[in-house]
N, C-alpha and C. Protein backbone atom coordinates (compact mmCIF):
# COMPACT_ATOMS: atom_id res chain seq x y z
N MET A 1 133.31 13.46 76.97
CA MET A 1 134.06 12.57 77.68
C MET A 1 135.50 12.64 77.87
N PRO A 2 136.07 12.65 79.25
CA PRO A 2 137.52 13.16 79.52
C PRO A 2 138.13 11.71 78.59
N ALA A 3 139.61 12.15 78.31
CA ALA A 3 140.48 11.09 77.82
C ALA A 3 140.47 9.91 78.79
N ARG A 4 140.79 8.88 78.38
CA ARG A 4 140.55 7.82 78.98
C ARG A 4 141.87 6.83 78.70
N PHE A 5 142.46 6.01 79.79
CA PHE A 5 143.35 5.10 79.55
C PHE A 5 142.84 3.65 79.73
N ILE A 6 142.87 2.82 78.58
CA ILE A 6 142.23 1.50 78.53
C ILE A 6 143.46 0.63 78.42
N SER A 7 143.53 -0.52 79.30
CA SER A 7 144.94 -1.62 78.99
C SER A 7 143.61 -2.70 78.76
N PHE A 8 145.00 -3.72 77.78
CA PHE A 8 144.65 -4.92 77.51
C PHE A 8 145.48 -6.03 78.32
N GLU A 9 144.81 -7.18 79.06
CA GLU A 9 145.58 -8.14 79.19
C GLU A 9 145.31 -9.65 78.90
N GLY A 10 146.27 -10.52 79.46
CA GLY A 10 145.91 -11.77 78.88
C GLY A 10 147.08 -12.60 78.65
N ILE A 11 146.94 -13.92 78.84
CA ILE A 11 148.10 -14.86 78.31
C ILE A 11 148.67 -14.53 76.85
N ASP A 12 149.82 -15.14 76.62
CA ASP A 12 150.09 -15.02 75.44
C ASP A 12 149.46 -15.86 74.15
N GLY A 13 149.18 -15.31 73.26
CA GLY A 13 147.94 -16.28 72.31
C GLY A 13 146.47 -15.97 72.85
N SER A 14 146.34 -14.83 73.86
CA SER A 14 144.90 -14.92 74.09
C SER A 14 144.51 -13.93 73.22
N GLY A 15 144.68 -13.36 72.24
CA GLY A 15 143.93 -12.35 71.34
C GLY A 15 144.03 -10.81 71.66
N LYS A 16 144.65 -10.35 72.75
CA LYS A 16 144.52 -9.16 73.29
C LYS A 16 145.38 -8.22 72.42
N THR A 17 146.36 -8.39 71.71
CA THR A 17 146.78 -7.41 70.73
C THR A 17 146.21 -7.15 69.43
N THR A 18 145.38 -7.92 68.85
CA THR A 18 144.22 -8.05 67.83
C THR A 18 143.03 -7.19 68.42
N GLN A 19 142.80 -7.59 69.70
CA GLN A 19 141.56 -6.64 70.40
C GLN A 19 142.17 -5.32 70.54
N ALA A 20 143.22 -4.94 71.12
CA ALA A 20 143.52 -3.62 71.23
C ALA A 20 143.41 -3.08 70.16
N ALA A 21 143.68 -3.24 68.90
CA ALA A 21 143.90 -2.68 68.06
C ALA A 21 142.59 -2.39 67.18
N LEU A 22 141.58 -3.41 67.37
CA LEU A 22 140.22 -3.51 66.96
C LEU A 22 139.70 -2.12 67.83
N LEU A 23 139.78 -2.15 69.15
CA LEU A 23 138.91 -1.44 69.81
C LEU A 23 139.37 0.28 69.31
N ALA A 24 140.71 0.37 69.29
CA ALA A 24 141.40 1.54 68.89
C ALA A 24 140.34 2.21 67.65
N ALA A 25 140.42 1.27 66.62
CA ALA A 25 139.87 1.65 65.33
C ALA A 25 138.46 1.78 65.64
N ALA A 26 137.67 1.44 66.47
CA ALA A 26 136.11 1.40 66.72
C ALA A 26 136.17 2.87 67.38
N MET A 27 137.34 3.40 68.40
CA MET A 27 137.21 4.55 68.88
C MET A 27 137.57 5.75 68.05
N ARG A 28 138.34 5.40 66.98
CA ARG A 28 138.51 6.40 66.05
C ARG A 28 137.18 6.86 65.12
N ASP A 29 136.43 5.59 65.30
CA ASP A 29 135.14 5.56 64.15
C ASP A 29 134.48 6.51 64.71
N ALA A 30 134.44 6.37 66.26
CA ALA A 30 133.40 6.84 66.88
C ALA A 30 133.74 8.44 67.24
N GLY A 31 134.92 8.76 66.51
CA GLY A 31 135.12 10.59 66.35
C GLY A 31 136.29 10.62 67.54
N ARG A 32 137.11 9.59 68.29
CA ARG A 32 137.75 9.73 69.64
C ARG A 32 139.19 10.10 68.82
N ASP A 33 140.41 10.63 69.33
CA ASP A 33 141.64 10.49 69.07
C ASP A 33 142.14 9.59 70.02
N VAL A 34 142.77 8.66 69.48
CA VAL A 34 143.49 7.42 69.96
C VAL A 34 144.56 7.36 69.81
N VAL A 35 145.77 6.78 71.02
CA VAL A 35 146.88 6.38 71.05
C VAL A 35 147.11 4.96 71.24
N LEU A 36 147.40 4.06 70.23
CA LEU A 36 147.35 2.61 70.35
C LEU A 36 148.84 2.60 70.43
N THR A 37 149.48 1.58 71.83
CA THR A 37 150.66 1.44 72.10
C THR A 37 150.93 -0.08 73.16
N ARG A 38 151.70 -0.25 73.27
CA ARG A 38 151.97 -1.63 73.98
C ARG A 38 153.54 -1.62 74.54
N GLU A 39 153.11 -2.50 75.76
CA GLU A 39 154.20 -2.68 76.69
C GLU A 39 154.76 -4.30 76.52
N PRO A 40 156.14 -4.39 76.90
CA PRO A 40 157.16 -3.64 77.18
C PRO A 40 157.32 -2.89 75.73
N GLY A 41 157.62 -1.59 75.81
CA GLY A 41 157.91 -0.77 74.44
C GLY A 41 157.15 0.55 74.83
N GLY A 42 156.38 1.15 73.46
CA GLY A 42 155.53 2.22 73.51
C GLY A 42 155.98 3.50 73.44
N SER A 43 157.66 3.79 73.49
CA SER A 43 158.47 4.73 73.28
C SER A 43 159.98 4.23 73.06
N PRO A 44 160.67 5.21 72.52
CA PRO A 44 162.20 4.37 72.01
C PRO A 44 162.94 3.71 73.04
N GLY A 45 162.90 4.38 74.45
CA GLY A 45 163.67 4.04 75.33
C GLY A 45 163.17 2.57 75.78
N ALA A 46 161.83 2.40 76.05
CA ALA A 46 160.96 1.27 76.23
C ALA A 46 161.07 0.23 75.49
N GLU A 47 161.26 0.58 73.77
CA GLU A 47 161.35 -0.14 73.12
C GLU A 47 162.64 -1.05 72.83
N SER A 48 163.85 -0.44 73.06
CA SER A 48 165.15 -0.90 73.54
C SER A 48 165.15 -1.85 74.65
N ILE A 49 164.43 -1.53 75.54
CA ILE A 49 164.35 -2.49 76.75
C ILE A 49 163.52 -3.85 76.33
N ARG A 50 162.60 -3.63 75.41
CA ARG A 50 161.73 -4.54 75.16
C ARG A 50 162.37 -5.66 74.46
N ARG A 51 163.34 -5.74 73.85
CA ARG A 51 164.17 -6.60 73.14
C ARG A 51 165.13 -7.20 74.10
N LEU A 52 165.30 -6.56 75.42
CA LEU A 52 166.44 -7.28 76.29
C LEU A 52 165.24 -8.40 76.95
N LEU A 53 163.94 -8.10 77.10
CA LEU A 53 163.00 -8.99 77.99
C LEU A 53 162.54 -10.26 76.95
N VAL A 54 162.24 -10.04 75.92
CA VAL A 54 161.38 -10.59 75.23
C VAL A 54 162.11 -11.59 74.31
N GLU A 55 163.58 -11.47 74.16
CA GLU A 55 164.27 -11.95 73.19
C GLU A 55 165.28 -12.94 74.15
N GLY A 56 165.63 -13.90 73.67
CA GLY A 56 166.89 -14.82 74.26
C GLY A 56 166.41 -15.94 75.18
N LYS A 57 167.12 -16.61 76.08
CA LYS A 57 166.86 -17.76 76.72
C LYS A 57 165.91 -17.55 77.97
N THR A 58 165.23 -18.43 78.11
CA THR A 58 164.46 -18.23 79.28
C THR A 58 165.05 -17.77 80.63
N ASP A 59 166.34 -18.26 80.94
CA ASP A 59 167.06 -18.19 82.02
C ASP A 59 167.81 -16.87 81.92
N ARG A 60 167.64 -16.00 80.96
CA ARG A 60 168.47 -14.86 80.92
C ARG A 60 168.29 -14.03 81.80
N TRP A 61 167.42 -13.43 82.62
CA TRP A 61 166.98 -12.68 83.85
C TRP A 61 166.40 -13.31 84.73
N SER A 62 166.74 -13.06 86.17
CA SER A 62 165.92 -13.57 87.25
C SER A 62 164.65 -12.55 87.21
N PRO A 63 163.83 -12.91 88.13
CA PRO A 63 162.22 -12.48 88.14
C PRO A 63 162.91 -11.15 88.88
N GLU A 64 163.63 -10.88 89.59
CA GLU A 64 164.00 -9.58 90.23
C GLU A 64 164.37 -8.41 89.24
N THR A 65 165.72 -9.00 88.55
CA THR A 65 165.92 -8.32 87.47
C THR A 65 164.93 -7.87 86.34
N GLU A 66 163.95 -8.79 86.05
CA GLU A 66 162.88 -8.43 85.08
C GLU A 66 162.07 -7.30 85.49
N ILE A 67 161.75 -7.50 87.06
CA ILE A 67 160.80 -6.32 87.35
C ILE A 67 161.58 -5.04 87.13
N LEU A 68 162.97 -5.10 87.47
CA LEU A 68 163.40 -4.06 87.15
C LEU A 68 163.47 -3.24 85.91
N LEU A 69 163.74 -4.18 85.21
CA LEU A 69 163.83 -3.78 83.28
C LEU A 69 162.21 -3.40 83.15
N PHE A 70 161.34 -4.24 83.45
CA PHE A 70 159.93 -3.61 82.90
C PHE A 70 159.52 -2.38 83.54
N THR A 71 159.69 -2.24 84.72
CA THR A 71 159.51 -0.67 85.54
C THR A 71 160.50 0.27 84.69
N ALA A 72 161.33 0.16 84.63
CA ALA A 72 162.03 1.16 83.55
C ALA A 72 161.67 1.39 82.28
N ALA A 73 161.31 0.31 81.47
CA ALA A 73 160.63 0.61 80.26
C ALA A 73 159.14 1.32 80.63
N ARG A 74 158.57 1.02 81.69
CA ARG A 74 157.15 1.63 81.90
C ARG A 74 157.28 2.92 82.09
N ARG A 75 158.13 3.37 83.17
CA ARG A 75 158.59 4.77 83.64
C ARG A 75 158.76 5.83 82.05
N ASP A 76 159.79 5.22 81.13
CA ASP A 76 159.77 5.98 80.01
C ASP A 76 158.79 6.10 79.29
N HIS A 77 157.81 4.90 79.02
CA HIS A 77 156.63 4.71 78.40
C HIS A 77 155.48 5.69 79.00
N LEU A 78 155.54 5.72 80.38
CA LEU A 78 154.28 7.17 80.74
C LEU A 78 155.06 8.02 80.60
N GLU A 79 156.16 8.73 80.73
CA GLU A 79 156.74 9.94 80.46
C GLU A 79 156.48 10.31 79.24
N ARG A 80 156.96 9.70 78.22
CA ARG A 80 157.08 9.96 76.90
C ARG A 80 155.73 9.81 75.94
N THR A 81 155.02 8.99 76.47
CA THR A 81 153.53 8.41 75.36
C THR A 81 152.59 8.53 76.35
N ILE A 82 152.33 7.86 77.38
CA ILE A 82 151.03 7.97 77.95
C ILE A 82 150.71 9.07 78.50
N ALA A 83 151.19 9.62 79.63
CA ALA A 83 150.91 10.67 80.24
C ALA A 83 150.93 12.00 79.17
N PRO A 84 151.61 12.31 78.48
CA PRO A 84 151.42 13.38 77.29
C PRO A 84 150.22 13.42 76.53
N ALA A 85 149.73 12.10 75.88
CA ALA A 85 148.85 11.82 75.46
C ALA A 85 147.36 12.44 76.25
N LEU A 86 147.17 11.50 77.46
CA LEU A 86 146.02 11.98 77.91
C LEU A 86 146.14 13.38 78.57
N ALA A 87 146.91 14.12 78.60
CA ALA A 87 147.22 15.34 78.94
C ALA A 87 146.84 16.25 77.90
N ALA A 88 147.02 15.61 76.60
CA ALA A 88 146.47 16.43 75.43
C ALA A 88 144.94 16.18 75.29
N GLY A 89 144.24 15.30 75.94
CA GLY A 89 142.93 14.78 75.60
C GLY A 89 142.71 13.82 74.85
N ARG A 90 143.86 13.01 74.40
CA ARG A 90 143.81 11.86 73.83
C ARG A 90 143.37 10.46 74.37
N ASP A 91 142.65 9.52 74.14
CA ASP A 91 142.58 8.23 74.76
C ASP A 91 143.93 7.51 74.42
N VAL A 92 144.29 6.60 75.47
CA VAL A 92 145.21 5.58 75.01
C VAL A 92 144.92 4.33 75.44
N VAL A 93 145.13 3.63 74.35
CA VAL A 93 144.66 1.84 74.33
C VAL A 93 146.25 1.26 74.51
N CYS A 94 146.46 0.62 75.39
CA CYS A 94 147.69 -0.01 75.79
C CYS A 94 147.65 -1.58 75.85
N ASP A 95 148.51 -2.50 75.04
CA ASP A 95 148.53 -3.88 74.87
C ASP A 95 149.44 -4.24 76.39
N ARG A 96 149.06 -4.52 77.48
CA ARG A 96 149.85 -4.71 78.61
C ARG A 96 150.02 -3.27 79.38
N PHE A 97 150.01 -3.31 80.76
CA PHE A 97 150.40 -2.03 81.56
C PHE A 97 151.19 -3.03 82.99
N ALA A 98 151.08 -2.56 83.76
CA ALA A 98 151.66 -3.09 85.14
C ALA A 98 150.95 -4.26 85.72
N ASP A 99 149.74 -4.41 85.40
CA ASP A 99 149.13 -5.89 85.66
C ASP A 99 150.14 -7.00 85.29
N SER A 100 150.36 -7.08 84.37
CA SER A 100 151.30 -8.03 83.58
C SER A 100 152.48 -8.42 84.44
N THR A 101 153.24 -7.53 85.04
CA THR A 101 154.38 -7.68 85.75
C THR A 101 153.82 -8.07 87.51
N ARG A 102 152.41 -7.54 87.90
CA ARG A 102 151.73 -8.13 88.73
C ARG A 102 151.98 -9.69 88.79
N VAL A 103 151.36 -10.21 87.51
CA VAL A 103 151.17 -11.41 87.34
C VAL A 103 152.59 -12.30 86.86
N TYR A 104 152.72 -11.97 85.99
CA TYR A 104 154.16 -12.52 85.34
C TYR A 104 155.33 -12.76 86.24
N GLN A 105 155.66 -11.54 87.25
CA GLN A 105 157.02 -11.70 88.06
C GLN A 105 156.29 -11.65 89.43
N GLY A 106 155.31 -11.13 89.61
CA GLY A 106 154.77 -10.66 91.36
C GLY A 106 154.29 -12.17 91.62
N ALA A 107 153.85 -12.85 90.76
CA ALA A 107 153.29 -13.99 91.26
C ALA A 107 153.45 -15.39 90.64
N VAL A 108 153.82 -15.38 89.33
CA VAL A 108 154.08 -16.87 88.94
C VAL A 108 155.32 -17.17 88.63
N ARG A 109 156.19 -16.04 88.12
CA ARG A 109 157.69 -16.58 87.96
C ARG A 109 158.46 -16.41 89.47
N ALA A 110 158.20 -15.70 90.50
CA ALA A 110 158.43 -15.48 91.73
C ALA A 110 157.32 -15.01 92.72
N ASP A 111 157.32 -14.88 94.03
CA ASP A 111 156.61 -14.41 94.98
C ASP A 111 157.06 -13.04 95.35
N LEU A 112 156.84 -12.11 94.41
CA LEU A 112 157.44 -10.77 94.61
C LEU A 112 156.42 -9.94 94.39
N ARG A 113 155.14 -10.11 94.69
CA ARG A 113 154.52 -8.77 94.55
C ARG A 113 154.59 -7.67 95.44
N GLU A 114 154.82 -7.90 96.50
CA GLU A 114 155.30 -6.76 97.17
C GLU A 114 156.43 -5.78 96.43
N MET A 115 157.51 -6.43 96.09
CA MET A 115 158.42 -5.63 95.30
C MET A 115 157.82 -5.09 94.05
N VAL A 116 156.71 -5.62 93.07
CA VAL A 116 156.12 -5.06 92.08
C VAL A 116 155.37 -3.89 92.57
N ASP A 117 154.48 -4.12 93.60
CA ASP A 117 153.53 -2.78 94.08
C ASP A 117 154.56 -1.95 95.01
N ALA A 118 155.51 -2.31 95.78
CA ALA A 118 156.40 -0.89 95.91
C ALA A 118 157.02 0.04 95.01
N LEU A 119 157.52 -0.37 93.82
CA LEU A 119 158.12 0.03 92.56
C LEU A 119 157.09 0.49 91.56
N HIS A 120 155.92 0.08 91.57
CA HIS A 120 154.87 0.87 90.87
C HIS A 120 154.29 1.95 91.70
N ALA A 121 154.20 2.03 93.03
CA ALA A 121 153.68 3.21 93.78
C ALA A 121 154.63 4.37 93.72
N ARG A 122 155.92 3.91 93.69
CA ARG A 122 156.98 4.95 93.85
C ARG A 122 157.45 5.54 92.39
N THR A 123 157.45 4.85 91.18
CA THR A 123 157.70 5.18 90.28
C THR A 123 156.94 5.57 88.97
N ILE A 124 155.54 4.82 88.95
CA ILE A 124 154.41 4.65 88.10
C ILE A 124 153.28 5.75 88.62
N GLY A 125 152.68 5.04 89.73
CA GLY A 125 151.82 5.95 90.43
C GLY A 125 150.45 6.00 89.84
N ARG A 126 150.04 5.27 88.79
CA ARG A 126 148.77 5.38 88.12
C ARG A 126 148.64 3.88 87.35
N GLU A 127 147.06 3.74 87.37
CA GLU A 127 146.27 2.72 87.13
C GLU A 127 145.17 3.13 85.68
N PRO A 128 145.04 1.83 84.70
CA PRO A 128 144.26 2.50 83.92
C PRO A 128 142.73 2.68 84.51
N ASP A 129 141.85 3.23 83.56
CA ASP A 129 140.83 3.55 83.92
C ASP A 129 139.96 2.45 83.66
N LEU A 130 140.31 1.66 83.00
CA LEU A 130 139.52 0.15 82.44
C LEU A 130 140.82 -0.72 81.72
N THR A 131 140.37 -1.74 82.32
CA THR A 131 141.27 -2.78 81.94
C THR A 131 140.45 -4.24 81.59
N ILE A 132 141.00 -4.59 80.51
CA ILE A 132 139.91 -5.33 79.74
C ILE A 132 140.86 -6.89 79.40
N LEU A 133 140.38 -7.62 80.23
CA LEU A 133 141.23 -9.17 80.18
C LEU A 133 140.44 -10.04 79.31
N ILE A 134 141.11 -10.35 78.35
CA ILE A 134 140.89 -11.41 77.25
C ILE A 134 141.25 -12.77 78.07
N ASP A 135 140.49 -13.66 78.85
CA ASP A 135 140.59 -14.55 79.26
C ASP A 135 140.48 -15.86 78.08
N THR A 136 141.35 -16.45 77.75
CA THR A 136 141.29 -17.33 76.88
C THR A 136 142.34 -18.98 77.10
N ASP A 137 141.31 -20.13 76.65
CA ASP A 137 141.65 -21.51 77.27
C ASP A 137 143.41 -21.43 76.58
N VAL A 138 144.20 -22.14 77.22
CA VAL A 138 145.37 -22.32 77.27
C VAL A 138 146.06 -23.11 75.70
N ASP A 139 145.08 -24.11 75.64
CA ASP A 139 145.08 -24.72 74.13
C ASP A 139 144.92 -24.11 73.01
N VAL A 140 143.96 -23.06 73.14
CA VAL A 140 143.68 -22.21 72.22
C VAL A 140 144.64 -21.04 71.82
N ALA A 141 145.19 -20.69 73.05
CA ALA A 141 146.43 -19.48 73.01
C ALA A 141 147.42 -20.31 72.45
N ARG A 142 147.75 -21.38 72.84
CA ARG A 142 149.01 -22.28 72.10
C ARG A 142 148.76 -22.40 70.97
N ARG A 143 147.68 -22.76 70.07
CA ARG A 143 147.34 -22.77 68.72
C ARG A 143 147.76 -21.83 68.01
N ARG A 144 147.24 -20.49 68.60
CA ARG A 144 147.49 -19.01 68.02
C ARG A 144 148.91 -18.60 68.08
N GLU A 145 149.60 -19.13 69.05
CA GLU A 145 150.85 -18.77 69.10
C GLU A 145 151.73 -19.55 68.25
N GLY A 146 151.48 -20.69 67.83
CA GLY A 146 152.17 -21.75 66.90
C GLY A 146 151.94 -21.14 65.63
N ALA A 147 150.97 -20.66 65.26
CA ALA A 147 150.92 -19.97 63.83
C ALA A 147 151.32 -18.81 63.60
N ARG A 148 152.14 -18.18 64.72
CA ARG A 148 152.71 -17.00 64.72
C ARG A 148 154.16 -17.32 64.71
N ARG A 149 154.72 -16.62 63.78
CA ARG A 149 156.62 -16.73 63.84
C ARG A 149 157.10 -15.55 64.25
N SER A 150 157.86 -15.48 65.53
CA SER A 150 158.43 -14.27 66.25
C SER A 150 159.44 -14.88 67.08
N SER A 151 160.34 -13.87 66.79
CA SER A 151 161.62 -14.14 67.96
C SER A 151 161.41 -13.43 69.49
N GLU A 152 160.13 -12.78 69.63
CA GLU A 152 159.83 -12.58 70.88
C GLU A 152 159.04 -13.60 71.56
N ASP A 153 159.58 -14.74 71.99
CA ASP A 153 158.98 -16.01 72.38
C ASP A 153 159.47 -16.47 73.87
N ARG A 154 160.35 -15.75 74.37
CA ARG A 154 161.20 -15.83 75.55
C ARG A 154 160.06 -16.58 76.53
N PHE A 155 158.89 -15.86 76.85
CA PHE A 155 158.12 -16.30 77.87
C PHE A 155 157.29 -17.32 77.52
N GLU A 156 156.83 -17.52 76.15
CA GLU A 156 156.00 -18.56 75.60
C GLU A 156 156.82 -19.83 75.86
N ARG A 157 158.13 -19.64 75.94
CA ARG A 157 159.01 -20.95 76.38
C ARG A 157 159.14 -21.47 77.46
N PHE A 158 158.37 -20.77 78.26
CA PHE A 158 158.27 -21.47 79.94
C PHE A 158 157.10 -22.81 79.69
N GLY A 159 156.43 -22.95 78.85
CA GLY A 159 155.68 -23.73 78.53
C GLY A 159 154.16 -23.76 79.28
N PRO A 160 153.32 -24.60 78.75
CA PRO A 160 151.99 -24.34 79.23
C PRO A 160 151.84 -24.47 80.66
N ALA A 161 152.47 -24.95 81.33
CA ALA A 161 152.04 -24.94 83.02
C ALA A 161 152.40 -23.46 83.30
N PHE A 162 153.35 -22.78 82.74
CA PHE A 162 153.44 -21.45 83.20
C PHE A 162 152.53 -20.68 82.60
N GLN A 163 151.74 -20.83 81.23
CA GLN A 163 150.42 -20.09 80.71
C GLN A 163 149.35 -20.36 81.87
N ASP A 164 148.99 -21.55 82.44
CA ASP A 164 147.79 -21.87 83.05
C ASP A 164 148.06 -21.10 84.13
N ALA A 165 149.08 -21.38 84.83
CA ALA A 165 149.78 -20.37 86.17
C ALA A 165 149.35 -19.01 85.73
N LEU A 166 149.64 -18.29 84.54
CA LEU A 166 149.36 -16.95 84.45
C LEU A 166 147.74 -16.57 84.07
N ARG A 167 147.06 -17.60 83.27
CA ARG A 167 145.62 -17.24 83.65
C ARG A 167 145.09 -17.19 84.56
N LYS A 168 145.53 -18.47 85.39
CA LYS A 168 144.80 -18.30 87.15
C LYS A 168 145.03 -16.87 87.50
N GLY A 169 146.61 -16.49 87.47
CA GLY A 169 147.00 -15.24 88.14
C GLY A 169 146.16 -14.22 87.73
N PHE A 170 145.86 -13.79 86.45
CA PHE A 170 145.44 -12.93 85.83
C PHE A 170 143.53 -12.84 86.33
N LEU A 171 143.02 -14.00 86.28
CA LEU A 171 141.68 -14.03 86.84
C LEU A 171 141.49 -13.77 88.10
N GLU A 172 142.63 -14.09 89.04
CA GLU A 172 142.55 -13.74 90.28
C GLU A 172 142.67 -12.41 90.50
N LEU A 173 143.46 -11.78 89.68
CA LEU A 173 143.63 -10.06 89.89
C LEU A 173 142.38 -9.65 89.70
N ALA A 174 141.98 -10.00 88.52
CA ALA A 174 140.59 -9.37 88.27
C ALA A 174 139.63 -9.37 88.94
N ALA A 175 139.26 -10.60 89.79
CA ALA A 175 138.42 -10.67 90.74
C ALA A 175 138.69 -9.82 91.80
N SER A 176 139.91 -9.60 92.12
CA SER A 176 140.35 -8.44 93.36
C SER A 176 140.05 -6.95 92.92
N ARG A 177 139.94 -6.98 91.66
CA ARG A 177 139.46 -5.39 91.18
C ARG A 177 138.52 -5.20 90.47
N PRO A 178 137.51 -5.46 90.68
CA PRO A 178 136.18 -5.88 89.76
C PRO A 178 135.83 -4.15 89.48
N ASP A 179 136.24 -3.30 90.01
CA ASP A 179 135.96 -1.77 89.66
C ASP A 179 136.58 -1.30 88.32
N ARG A 180 137.63 -2.17 88.13
CA ARG A 180 138.68 -1.66 87.05
C ARG A 180 138.55 -2.53 85.92
N PHE A 181 138.42 -4.10 86.36
CA PHE A 181 138.70 -5.00 85.35
C PHE A 181 137.20 -5.38 84.68
N HIS A 182 137.25 -6.17 83.23
CA HIS A 182 136.47 -6.14 83.00
C HIS A 182 136.66 -7.65 82.04
N VAL A 183 136.22 -8.94 82.25
CA VAL A 183 136.75 -10.02 82.05
C VAL A 183 135.71 -10.54 80.50
N ILE A 184 136.46 -10.62 79.37
CA ILE A 184 135.78 -11.31 78.17
C ILE A 184 136.65 -12.75 77.71
N ASP A 185 135.74 -13.32 77.25
CA ASP A 185 135.92 -14.57 76.93
C ASP A 185 136.69 -14.63 75.54
N GLY A 186 138.05 -14.85 75.43
CA GLY A 186 138.61 -14.85 74.34
C GLY A 186 138.89 -15.80 73.20
N SER A 187 138.25 -16.89 74.00
CA SER A 187 138.20 -18.09 72.80
C SER A 187 137.34 -18.29 71.67
N ARG A 188 136.21 -17.12 71.84
CA ARG A 188 135.53 -17.49 70.76
C ARG A 188 136.07 -16.44 69.15
N PRO A 189 135.00 -16.39 68.01
CA PRO A 189 135.43 -15.81 66.82
C PRO A 189 135.75 -14.03 67.36
N GLU A 190 137.15 -13.89 66.65
CA GLU A 190 137.71 -12.54 66.57
C GLU A 190 136.30 -11.30 66.82
N GLN A 191 135.81 -11.53 65.92
CA GLN A 191 134.50 -10.32 65.74
C GLN A 191 133.76 -10.42 67.20
N GLU A 192 133.35 -11.53 67.44
CA GLU A 192 132.32 -11.66 68.62
C GLU A 192 133.07 -10.87 70.05
N VAL A 193 134.28 -11.13 69.75
CA VAL A 193 135.09 -10.95 71.07
C VAL A 193 135.00 -9.28 70.99
N ALA A 194 135.17 -8.65 69.60
CA ALA A 194 135.38 -7.57 69.64
C ALA A 194 133.97 -6.68 70.06
N ALA A 195 133.20 -7.24 69.26
CA ALA A 195 131.75 -6.64 69.87
C ALA A 195 131.70 -6.43 71.84
N ASP A 196 132.03 -7.42 72.21
CA ASP A 196 131.90 -7.26 73.59
C ASP A 196 132.98 -6.61 74.02
N VAL A 197 134.10 -6.33 73.37
CA VAL A 197 135.20 -5.51 74.02
C VAL A 197 134.39 -3.61 73.93
N ALA A 198 134.09 -3.77 72.34
CA ALA A 198 133.52 -2.30 72.31
C ALA A 198 132.31 -2.00 73.44
N ARG A 199 131.63 -2.82 73.54
CA ARG A 199 130.36 -2.55 74.46
C ARG A 199 131.06 -1.99 76.21
N ALA A 200 132.10 -2.80 76.48
CA ALA A 200 132.63 -2.71 77.82
C ALA A 200 133.53 -1.18 77.75
N ALA A 201 133.87 -0.60 76.57
CA ALA A 201 134.80 0.48 76.36
C ALA A 201 133.77 1.46 76.12
N LEU A 202 132.83 1.23 75.35
CA LEU A 202 132.21 2.35 74.69
C LEU A 202 131.09 2.83 75.42
N ALA A 203 130.53 2.22 76.03
CA ALA A 203 129.13 2.53 76.83
C ALA A 203 129.22 3.41 77.66
């Protein structure tokens, strides 16, 4: 099987980060060579930009500025981590990719989807082979986030209505791209979710 690029998406607290790590471990157990990475981040330059995006006040950046920062981070991540790994025959499992920008900044923070897609086409130019959307009830996700202490909470502090809108946006995006998206109920116990993720990714 050729190298695959698999992304995970979902609202904050959905469990996607945990599920990405569990899938990477399952793929390694199956004999695959896997790079587990994340966005924003995944390369030294992109990790520097990450701190600008996920820390600080909610009004620190406009949606337009966020799009530019996310795209710059994604370009560095693609150049230095994702593309070299795939070229070397290694699978890439990524916690978030361009779909997060399409939903967070392109649809929910502002009506800027055209700007997101134009920048993506010009500077990124690729999609994952498979995107797993961990769809989780907002109340469940908020309880999980409340148990986690982190300074990276800028987007969580936009509040539950924002998370509701994000969930709707992700589900609409998944419905528009059924050839790439696989939606999994993330409100269940971790191992049940992981089993469904493995079936979707390793079939």
